[in-house]
PDB file of all heavy atoms in Angstrom:
ATOM      1  N   GLN A   1       1.023  -0.316 -14.076  1.00  0.00           N
ATOM      2  CA  GLN A   1      -0.409  -0.035 -14.186  1.00  0.00           C
ATOM      3  C   GLN A   1      -1.271  -1.293 -14.022  1.00  0.00           C
ATOM      4  O   GLN A   1      -2.212  -1.551 -14.786  1.00  0.00           O
ATOM      5  CB  GLN A   1      -0.694   0.666 -15.518  1.00  0.00           C
ATOM      6  CG  GLN A   1      -0.135   2.072 -15.615  1.00  0.00           C
ATOM      7  CD  GLN A   1      -0.864   3.042 -14.701  1.00  0.00           C
ATOM      8  OE1 GLN A   1      -1.991   3.429 -14.945  1.00  0.00           O
ATOM      9  NE2 GLN A   1      -0.197   3.440 -13.609  1.00  0.00           N
ATOM     10  N   ILE A   2      -0.955  -2.064 -13.009  1.00  0.00           N
ATOM     11  CA  ILE A   2      -1.600  -3.365 -12.810  1.00  0.00           C
ATOM     12  C   ILE A   2      -3.106  -3.227 -12.582  1.00  0.00           C
ATOM     13  O   ILE A   2      -3.911  -3.960 -13.183  1.00  0.00           O
ATOM     14  CB  ILE A   2      -0.945  -4.120 -11.640  1.00  0.00           C
ATOM     15  CG1 ILE A   2       0.544  -4.385 -11.923  1.00  0.00           C
ATOM     16  CG2 ILE A   2      -1.675  -5.424 -11.359  1.00  0.00           C
ATOM     17  CD1 ILE A   2       0.816  -5.193 -13.171  1.00  0.00           C
ATOM     18  N   LEU A   3      -3.519  -2.295 -11.721  1.00  0.00           N
ATOM     19  CA  LEU A   3      -4.956  -2.184 -11.426  1.00  0.00           C
ATOM     20  C   LEU A   3      -5.773  -1.681 -12.612  1.00  0.00           C
ATOM     21  O   LEU A   3      -6.825  -2.267 -12.926  1.00  0.00           O
ATOM     22  CB  LEU A   3      -5.174  -1.310 -10.193  1.00  0.00           C
ATOM     23  CG  LEU A   3      -5.190  -2.083  -8.858  1.00  0.00           C
ATOM     24  CD1 LEU A   3      -3.864  -2.754  -8.587  1.00  0.00           C
ATOM     25  CD2 LEU A   3      -5.559  -1.153  -7.702  1.00  0.00           C
ATOM     26  N   PRO A   4      -5.338  -0.631 -13.319  1.00  0.00           N
ATOM     27  CA  PRO A   4      -6.111  -0.233 -14.503  1.00  0.00           C
ATOM     28  C   PRO A   4      -6.167  -1.320 -15.578  1.00  0.00           C
ATOM     29  O   PRO A   4      -7.201  -1.485 -16.234  1.00  0.00           O
ATOM     30  CB  PRO A   4      -5.358   1.005 -15.008  1.00  0.00           C
ATOM     31  CG  PRO A   4      -4.677   1.542 -13.801  1.00  0.00           C
ATOM     32  CD  PRO A   4      -4.281   0.330 -13.003  1.00  0.00           C
ATOM     33  N   LEU A   5      -5.079  -2.058 -15.759  1.00  0.00           N
ATOM     34  CA  LEU A   5      -5.085  -3.133 -16.749  1.00  0.00           C
ATOM     35  C   LEU A   5      -6.030  -4.263 -16.344  1.00  0.00           C
ATOM     36  O   LEU A   5      -6.721  -4.850 -17.185  1.00  0.00           O
ATOM     37  CB  LEU A   5      -3.670  -3.670 -16.957  1.00  0.00           C
ATOM     38  CG  LEU A   5      -2.712  -2.730 -17.693  1.00  0.00           C
ATOM     39  CD1 LEU A   5      -1.290  -3.279 -17.646  1.00  0.00           C
ATOM     40  CD2 LEU A   5      -3.150  -2.532 -19.149  1.00  0.00           C
ATOM     41  N   ASP A   6      -6.057  -4.553 -15.057  1.00  0.00           N
ATOM     42  CA  ASP A   6      -6.987  -5.566 -14.549  1.00  0.00           C
ATOM     43  C   ASP A   6      -8.430  -5.136 -14.815  1.00  0.00           C
ATOM     44  O   ASP A   6      -9.252  -5.929 -15.298  1.00  0.00           O
ATOM     45  CB  ASP A   6      -6.761  -5.761 -13.046  1.00  0.00           C
ATOM     46  CG  ASP A   6      -7.783  -6.668 -12.405  1.00  0.00           C
ATOM     47  OD1 ASP A   6      -7.728  -7.882 -12.630  1.00  0.00           O
ATOM     48  OD2 ASP A   6      -8.662  -6.146 -11.679  1.00  0.00           O
ATOM     49  N   ALA A   7      -8.732  -3.863 -14.529  1.00  0.00           N
ATOM     50  CA  ALA A   7     -10.096  -3.356 -14.768  1.00  0.00           C
ATOM     51  C   ALA A   7     -10.441  -3.393 -16.253  1.00  0.00           C
ATOM     52  O   ALA A   7     -11.563  -3.752 -16.639  1.00  0.00           O
ATOM     53  CB  ALA A   7     -10.217  -1.929 -14.228  1.00  0.00           C
ATOM     54  N   GLU A   8      -9.486  -3.045 -17.100  1.00  0.00           N
ATOM     55  CA  GLU A   8      -9.713  -3.060 -18.546  1.00  0.00           C
ATOM     56  C   GLU A   8      -9.988  -4.481 -19.035  1.00  0.00           C
ATOM     57  O   GLU A   8     -10.925  -4.720 -19.812  1.00  0.00           O
ATOM     58  CB  GLU A   8      -8.490  -2.475 -19.262  1.00  0.00           C
ATOM     59  CG  GLU A   8      -8.567  -2.489 -20.774  1.00  0.00           C
ATOM     60  CD  GLU A   8      -9.553  -1.470 -21.322  1.00  0.00           C
ATOM     61  OE1 GLU A   8      -9.958  -0.566 -20.575  1.00  0.00           O
ATOM     62  OE2 GLU A   8      -9.922  -1.587 -22.502  1.00  0.00           O
ATOM     63  N   ALA A   9      -9.188  -5.429 -18.581  1.00  0.00           N
ATOM     64  CA  ALA A   9      -9.364  -6.815 -19.019  1.00  0.00           C
ATOM     65  C   ALA A   9     -10.725  -7.358 -18.592  1.00  0.00           C
ATOM     66  O   ALA A   9     -11.367  -8.106 -19.338  1.00  0.00           O
ATOM     67  CB  ALA A   9      -8.249  -7.680 -18.451  1.00  0.00           C
ATOM     68  N   LYS A  10     -11.199  -6.959 -17.423  1.00  0.00           N
ATOM     69  CA  LYS A  10     -12.461  -7.466 -16.908  1.00  0.00           C
ATOM     70  C   LYS A  10     -13.673  -6.801 -17.564  1.00  0.00           C
ATOM     71  O   LYS A  10     -14.801  -7.246 -17.363  1.00  0.00           O
ATOM     72  CB  LYS A  10     -12.490  -7.308 -15.384  1.00  0.00           C
ATOM     73  CG  LYS A  10     -11.517  -8.284 -14.708  1.00  0.00           C
ATOM     74  CD  LYS A  10     -11.413  -8.076 -13.217  1.00  0.00           C
ATOM     75  CE  LYS A  10     -10.440  -9.080 -12.616  1.00  0.00           C
ATOM     76  NZ  LYS A  10     -10.218  -8.830 -11.162  1.00  0.00           N
ATOM     77  N   GLN A  11     -13.427  -5.761 -18.329  1.00  0.00           N
ATOM     78  CA  GLN A  11     -14.489  -5.184 -19.155  1.00  0.00           C
ATOM     79  C   GLN A  11     -14.473  -5.795 -20.557  1.00  0.00           C
ATOM     80  O   GLN A  11     -15.164  -5.324 -21.455  1.00  0.00           O
ATOM     81  CB  GLN A  11     -14.292  -3.667 -19.256  1.00  0.00           C
ATOM     82  CG  GLN A  11     -14.543  -2.943 -17.945  1.00  0.00           C
ATOM     83  CD  GLN A  11     -14.228  -1.458 -18.037  1.00  0.00           C
ATOM     84  OE1 GLN A  11     -14.035  -0.929 -19.123  1.00  0.00           O
ATOM     85  NE2 GLN A  11     -14.177  -0.789 -16.889  1.00  0.00           N
ATOM     86  N   LEU A  12     -13.681  -6.849 -20.702  1.00  0.00           N
ATOM     87  CA  LEU A  12     -13.530  -7.562 -21.976  1.00  0.00           C
ATOM     88  C   LEU A  12     -12.983  -6.621 -23.054  1.00  0.00           C
ATOM     89  O   LEU A  12     -13.348  -6.724 -24.228  1.00  0.00           O
ATOM     90  CB  LEU A  12     -14.866  -8.185 -22.411  1.00  0.00           C
ATOM     91  CG  LEU A  12     -15.584  -9.019 -21.340  1.00  0.00           C
ATOM     92  CD1 LEU A  12     -16.861  -9.617 -21.911  1.00  0.00           C
ATOM     93  CD2 LEU A  12     -14.675 -10.109 -20.798  1.00  0.00           C
ATOM     94  N   GLY A  13     -12.102  -5.747 -22.642  1.00  0.00           N
ATOM     95  CA  GLY A  13     -11.530  -4.794 -23.583  1.00  0.00           C
ATOM     96  C   GLY A  13     -10.022  -4.890 -23.611  1.00  0.00           C
ATOM     97  O   GLY A  13      -9.381  -5.311 -22.646  1.00  0.00           O
ATOM     98  N   TRP A  14      -9.410  -4.525 -24.704  1.00  0.00           N
ATOM     99  CA  TRP A  14      -7.960  -4.634 -24.852  1.00  0.00           C
ATOM    100  C   TRP A  14      -7.377  -3.369 -25.470  1.00  0.00           C
ATOM    101  O   TRP A  14      -6.466  -3.400 -26.275  1.00  0.00           O
ATOM    102  CB  TRP A  14      -7.608  -5.840 -25.729  1.00  0.00           C
ATOM    103  CG  TRP A  14      -8.008  -7.130 -25.095  1.00  0.00           C
ATOM    104  CD1 TRP A  14      -9.118  -7.866 -25.376  1.00  0.00           C
ATOM    105  CD2 TRP A  14      -7.323  -7.832 -24.052  1.00  0.00           C
ATOM    106  NE1 TRP A  14      -9.174  -8.986 -24.584  1.00  0.00           N
ATOM    107  CE2 TRP A  14      -8.073  -8.991 -23.746  1.00  0.00           C
ATOM    108  CE3 TRP A  14      -6.157  -7.604 -23.327  1.00  0.00           C
ATOM    109  CZ2 TRP A  14      -7.694  -9.912 -22.790  1.00  0.00           C
ATOM    110  CZ3 TRP A  14      -5.765  -8.520 -22.374  1.00  0.00           C
ATOM    111  CH2 TRP A  14      -6.528  -9.658 -22.105  1.00  0.00           C
ATOM    112  N   ASN A  15      -7.897  -2.225 -25.092  1.00  0.00           N
ATOM    113  CA  ASN A  15      -7.403  -0.984 -25.666  1.00  0.00           C
ATOM    114  C   ASN A  15      -6.116  -0.489 -25.002  1.00  0.00           C
ATOM    115  O   ASN A  15      -5.401   0.324 -25.565  1.00  0.00           O
ATOM    116  CB  ASN A  15      -8.470   0.118 -25.552  1.00  0.00           C
ATOM    117  CG  ASN A  15      -9.667  -0.177 -26.432  1.00  0.00           C
ATOM    118  OD1 ASN A  15      -9.516  -0.670 -27.537  1.00  0.00           O
ATOM    119  ND2 ASN A  15     -10.870   0.118 -25.933  1.00  0.00           N
ATOM    120  N   ILE A  16      -5.839  -1.017 -23.806  1.00  0.00           N
ATOM    121  CA  ILE A  16      -4.656  -0.627 -23.027  1.00  0.00           C
ATOM    122  C   ILE A  16      -4.538   0.900 -22.994  1.00  0.00           C
ATOM    123  O   ILE A  16      -3.564   1.502 -23.457  1.00  0.00           O
ATOM    124  CB  ILE A  16      -3.352  -1.292 -23.551  1.00  0.00           C
ATOM    125  CG1 ILE A  16      -3.585  -2.782 -23.835  1.00  0.00           C
ATOM    126  CG2 ILE A  16      -2.221  -1.134 -22.535  1.00  0.00           C
ATOM    127  CD1 ILE A  16      -2.347  -3.549 -24.250  1.00  0.00           C
ATOM    128  N   ARG A  17      -5.536   1.511 -22.436  1.00  0.00           N
ATOM    129  CA  ARG A  17      -5.600   2.970 -22.393  1.00  0.00           C
ATOM    130  C   ARG A  17      -4.477   3.602 -21.581  1.00  0.00           C
ATOM    131  O   ARG A  17      -4.194   4.797 -21.723  1.00  0.00           O
ATOM    132  CB  ARG A  17      -6.952   3.403 -21.820  1.00  0.00           C
ATOM    133  CG  ARG A  17      -8.150   3.027 -22.689  1.00  0.00           C
ATOM    134  CD  ARG A  17      -9.446   3.471 -22.047  1.00  0.00           C
ATOM    135  NE  ARG A  17     -10.590   3.218 -22.912  1.00  0.00           N
ATOM    136  CZ  ARG A  17     -11.264   2.062 -22.928  1.00  0.00           C
ATOM    137  NH1 ARG A  17     -10.896   1.078 -22.131  1.00  0.00           N
ATOM    138  NH2 ARG A  17     -12.294   1.900 -23.750  1.00  0.00           N
ATOM    139  N   VAL A  18      -3.851   2.825 -20.717  1.00  0.00           N
ATOM    140  CA  VAL A  18      -2.833   3.392 -19.825  1.00  0.00           C
ATOM    141  C   VAL A  18      -1.424   3.268 -20.399  1.00  0.00           C
ATOM    142  O   VAL A  18      -0.439   3.470 -19.686  1.00  0.00           O
ATOM    143  CB  VAL A  18      -2.878   2.720 -18.436  1.00  0.00           C
ATOM    144  CG1 VAL A  18      -4.171   3.069 -17.721  1.00  0.00           C
ATOM    145  CG2 VAL A  18      -2.709   1.206 -18.553  1.00  0.00           C
ATOM    146  N   THR A  19      -1.295   2.960 -21.668  1.00  0.00           N
ATOM    147  CA  THR A  19       0.029   2.803 -22.284  1.00  0.00           C
ATOM    148  C   THR A  19       0.984   3.941 -21.943  1.00  0.00           C
ATOM    149  O   THR A  19       2.166   3.678 -21.634  1.00  0.00           O
ATOM    150  CB  THR A  19      -0.101   2.664 -23.807  1.00  0.00           C
ATOM    151  OG1 THR A  19      -0.823   1.468 -24.096  1.00  0.00           O
ATOM    152  CG2 THR A  19       1.276   2.576 -24.472  1.00  0.00           C
ATOM    153  N   PRO A  20       0.580   5.218 -21.960  1.00  0.00           N
ATOM    154  CA  PRO A  20       1.533   6.296 -21.663  1.00  0.00           C
ATOM    155  C   PRO A  20       2.145   6.232 -20.257  1.00  0.00           C
ATOM    156  O   PRO A  20       3.177   6.839 -20.010  1.00  0.00           O
ATOM    157  CB  PRO A  20       0.684   7.568 -21.827  1.00  0.00           C
ATOM    158  CG  PRO A  20      -0.422   7.174 -22.745  1.00  0.00           C
ATOM    159  CD  PRO A  20      -0.724   5.754 -22.390  1.00  0.00           C
ATOM    160  N   LYS A  21       1.474   5.516 -19.350  1.00  0.00           N
ATOM    161  CA  LYS A  21       2.000   5.431 -17.983  1.00  0.00           C
ATOM    162  C   LYS A  21       2.839   4.177 -17.741  1.00  0.00           C
ATOM    163  O   LYS A  21       3.447   4.036 -16.678  1.00  0.00           O
ATOM    164  CB  LYS A  21       0.847   5.469 -16.968  1.00  0.00           C
ATOM    165  CG  LYS A  21       0.137   6.808 -16.907  1.00  0.00           C
ATOM    166  CD  LYS A  21      -0.896   6.809 -15.806  1.00  0.00           C
ATOM    167  CE  LYS A  21      -1.598   8.164 -15.728  1.00  0.00           C
ATOM    168  NZ  LYS A  21      -2.589   8.197 -14.628  1.00  0.00           N
ATOM    169  N   LEU A  22       2.867   3.250 -18.677  1.00  0.00           N
ATOM    170  CA  LEU A  22       3.646   2.023 -18.523  1.00  0.00           C
ATOM    171  C   LEU A  22       5.120   2.343 -18.747  1.00  0.00           C
ATOM    172  O   LEU A  22       5.496   2.893 -19.783  1.00  0.00           O
ATOM    173  CB  LEU A  22       3.168   0.957 -19.512  1.00  0.00           C
ATOM    174  CG  LEU A  22       1.787   0.381 -19.226  1.00  0.00           C
ATOM    175  CD1 LEU A  22       1.277  -0.418 -20.413  1.00  0.00           C
ATOM    176  CD2 LEU A  22       1.824  -0.490 -17.983  1.00  0.00           C
ATOM    177  N   ARG A  23       5.974   2.003 -17.745  1.00  0.00           N
ATOM    178  CA  ARG A  23       7.352   2.440 -17.785  1.00  0.00           C
ATOM    179  C   ARG A  23       8.339   1.278 -17.695  1.00  0.00           C
ATOM    180  O   ARG A  23       8.051   0.242 -17.097  1.00  0.00           O
ATOM    181  CB  ARG A  23       7.629   3.410 -16.622  1.00  0.00           C
ATOM    182  CG  ARG A  23       6.698   4.612 -16.561  1.00  0.00           C
ATOM    183  CD  ARG A  23       6.762   5.475 -17.815  1.00  0.00           C
ATOM    184  NE  ARG A  23       8.112   5.973 -18.051  1.00  0.00           N
ATOM    185  CZ  ARG A  23       8.623   7.070 -17.498  1.00  0.00           C
ATOM    186  NH1 ARG A  23       7.887   7.789 -16.675  1.00  0.00           N
ATOM    187  NH2 ARG A  23       9.852   7.449 -17.784  1.00  0.00           N
ATOM    188  N   ARG A  24       9.509   1.478 -18.297  1.00  0.00           N
ATOM    189  CA  ARG A  24      10.634   0.550 -18.169  1.00  0.00           C
ATOM    190  C   ARG A  24      11.419   0.935 -16.914  1.00  0.00           C
ATOM    191  O   ARG A  24      11.942   2.043 -16.799  1.00  0.00           O
ATOM    192  CB  ARG A  24      11.536   0.627 -19.398  1.00  0.00           C
ATOM    193  CG  ARG A  24      12.749  -0.281 -19.327  1.00  0.00           C
ATOM    194  CD  ARG A  24      13.643  -0.132 -20.543  1.00  0.00           C
ATOM    195  NE  ARG A  24      12.983  -0.643 -21.751  1.00  0.00           N
ATOM    196  CZ  ARG A  24      13.519  -0.573 -22.958  1.00  0.00           C
ATOM    197  NH1 ARG A  24      14.709   0.001 -23.132  1.00  0.00           N
ATOM    198  NH2 ARG A  24      12.877  -1.075 -23.996  1.00  0.00           N
ATOM    199  N   LEU A  25      11.546   0.010 -15.988  1.00  0.00           N
ATOM    200  CA  LEU A  25      12.128   0.343 -14.688  1.00  0.00           C
ATOM    201  C   LEU A  25      13.558   0.846 -14.795  1.00  0.00           C
ATOM    202  O   LEU A  25      13.977   1.749 -14.053  1.00  0.00           O
ATOM    203  CB  LEU A  25      12.077  -0.875 -13.756  1.00  0.00           C
ATOM    204  CG  LEU A  25      10.709  -1.524 -13.523  1.00  0.00           C
ATOM    205  CD1 LEU A  25      10.811  -2.576 -12.436  1.00  0.00           C
ATOM    206  CD2 LEU A  25       9.636  -0.499 -13.180  1.00  0.00           C
ATOM    207  N   SER A  26      14.311   0.290 -15.707  1.00  0.00           N
ATOM    208  CA  SER A  26      15.726   0.647 -15.801  1.00  0.00           C
ATOM    209  C   SER A  26      15.942   2.077 -16.278  1.00  0.00           C
ATOM    210  O   SER A  26      17.067   2.597 -16.213  1.00  0.00           O
ATOM    211  CB  SER A  26      16.454  -0.325 -16.729  1.00  0.00           C
ATOM    212  OG  SER A  26      15.931  -0.255 -18.044  1.00  0.00           O
ATOM    213  N   THR A  27      14.888   2.743 -16.743  1.00  0.00           N
ATOM    214  CA  THR A  27      15.008   4.136 -17.164  1.00  0.00           C
ATOM    215  C   THR A  27      14.558   5.101 -16.068  1.00  0.00           C
ATOM    216  O   THR A  27      14.607   6.312 -16.273  1.00  0.00           O
ATOM    217  CB  THR A  27      14.162   4.398 -18.424  1.00  0.00           C
ATOM    218  OG1 THR A  27      12.763   4.320 -18.084  1.00  0.00           O
ATOM    219  CG2 THR A  27      14.480   3.403 -19.519  1.00  0.00           C
ATOM    220  N   LEU A  28      14.123   4.580 -14.932  1.00  0.00           N
ATOM    221  CA  LEU A  28      13.500   5.403 -13.901  1.00  0.00           C
ATOM    222  C   LEU A  28      14.409   5.610 -12.696  1.00  0.00           C
ATOM    223  O   LEU A  28      15.229   4.746 -12.356  1.00  0.00           O
ATOM    224  CB  LEU A  28      12.195   4.759 -13.430  1.00  0.00           C
ATOM    225  CG  LEU A  28      11.134   4.476 -14.506  1.00  0.00           C
ATOM    226  CD1 LEU A  28       9.907   3.862 -13.863  1.00  0.00           C
ATOM    227  CD2 LEU A  28      10.781   5.739 -15.273  1.00  0.00           C
ATOM    228  N   THR A  29      14.213   6.734 -12.027  1.00  0.00           N
ATOM    229  CA  THR A  29      14.912   7.035 -10.777  1.00  0.00           C
ATOM    230  C   THR A  29      13.961   6.844  -9.606  1.00  0.00           C
ATOM    231  O   THR A  29      12.861   7.409  -9.583  1.00  0.00           O
ATOM    232  CB  THR A  29      15.453   8.470 -10.783  1.00  0.00           C
ATOM    233  OG1 THR A  29      16.453   8.587 -11.812  1.00  0.00           O
ATOM    234  CG2 THR A  29      16.078   8.826  -9.444  1.00  0.00           C
ATOM    235  N   PHE A  30      14.390   6.032  -8.668  1.00  0.00           N
ATOM    236  CA  PHE A  30      13.609   5.711  -7.467  1.00  0.00           C
ATOM    237  C   PHE A  30      14.179   6.552  -6.335  1.00  0.00           C
ATOM    238  O   PHE A  30      15.311   6.354  -5.898  1.00  0.00           O
ATOM    239  CB  PHE A  30      13.753   4.215  -7.162  1.00  0.00           C
ATOM    240  CG  PHE A  30      12.758   3.651  -6.189  1.00  0.00           C
ATOM    241  CD1 PHE A  30      11.667   2.922  -6.645  1.00  0.00           C
ATOM    242  CD2 PHE A  30      12.913   3.819  -4.819  1.00  0.00           C
ATOM    243  CE1 PHE A  30      10.751   2.382  -5.756  1.00  0.00           C
ATOM    244  CE2 PHE A  30      12.000   3.289  -3.924  1.00  0.00           C
ATOM    245  CZ  PHE A  30      10.916   2.561  -4.397  1.00  0.00           C
ATOM    246  N   GLY A  31      13.390   7.531  -5.850  1.00  0.00           N
ATOM    247  CA  GLY A  31      13.865   8.450  -4.824  1.00  0.00           C
ATOM    248  C   GLY A  31      13.313   8.110  -3.456  1.00  0.00           C
ATOM    249  O   GLY A  31      12.098   8.027  -3.274  1.00  0.00           O
ATOM    250  N   ILE A  32      14.201   7.925  -2.506  1.00  0.00           N
ATOM    251  CA  ILE A  32      13.821   7.513  -1.160  1.00  0.00           C
ATOM    252  C   ILE A  32      14.091   8.651  -0.176  1.00  0.00           C
ATOM    253  O   ILE A  32      15.168   9.246  -0.170  1.00  0.00           O
ATOM    254  CB  ILE A  32      14.611   6.259  -0.732  1.00  0.00           C
ATOM    255  CG1 ILE A  32      14.160   5.058  -1.563  1.00  0.00           C
ATOM    256  CG2 ILE A  32      14.445   5.979   0.757  1.00  0.00           C
ATOM    257  CD1 ILE A  32      14.950   3.802  -1.292  1.00  0.00           C
ATOM    258  N   VAL A  33      13.107   8.952   0.657  1.00  0.00           N
ATOM    259  CA  VAL A  33      13.277   9.906   1.750  1.00  0.00           C
ATOM    260  C   VAL A  33      13.336   9.115   3.047  1.00  0.00           C
ATOM    261  O   VAL A  33      12.345   8.509   3.449  1.00  0.00           O
ATOM    262  CB  VAL A  33      12.125  10.924   1.793  1.00  0.00           C
ATOM    263  CG1 VAL A  33      12.300  11.869   2.984  1.00  0.00           C
ATOM    264  CG2 VAL A  33      12.054  11.714   0.500  1.00  0.00           C
ATOM    265  N   GLY A  34      14.507   9.079   3.674  1.00  0.00           N
ATOM    266  CA  GLY A  34      14.695   8.343   4.923  1.00  0.00           C
ATOM    267  C   GLY A  34      15.329   6.986   4.695  1.00  0.00           C
ATOM    268  O   GLY A  34      14.650   6.053   4.275  1.00  0.00           O
TER     269      GLY A  34
END
């Protein structure tokens, strides 16, 4: 969530509203078509 965090920081805020979308890569499946 790099872009939302950047926008949040530039509003001088630290609520980290996007916490539910921040993921640990090792728990995720990366699916490729082609």
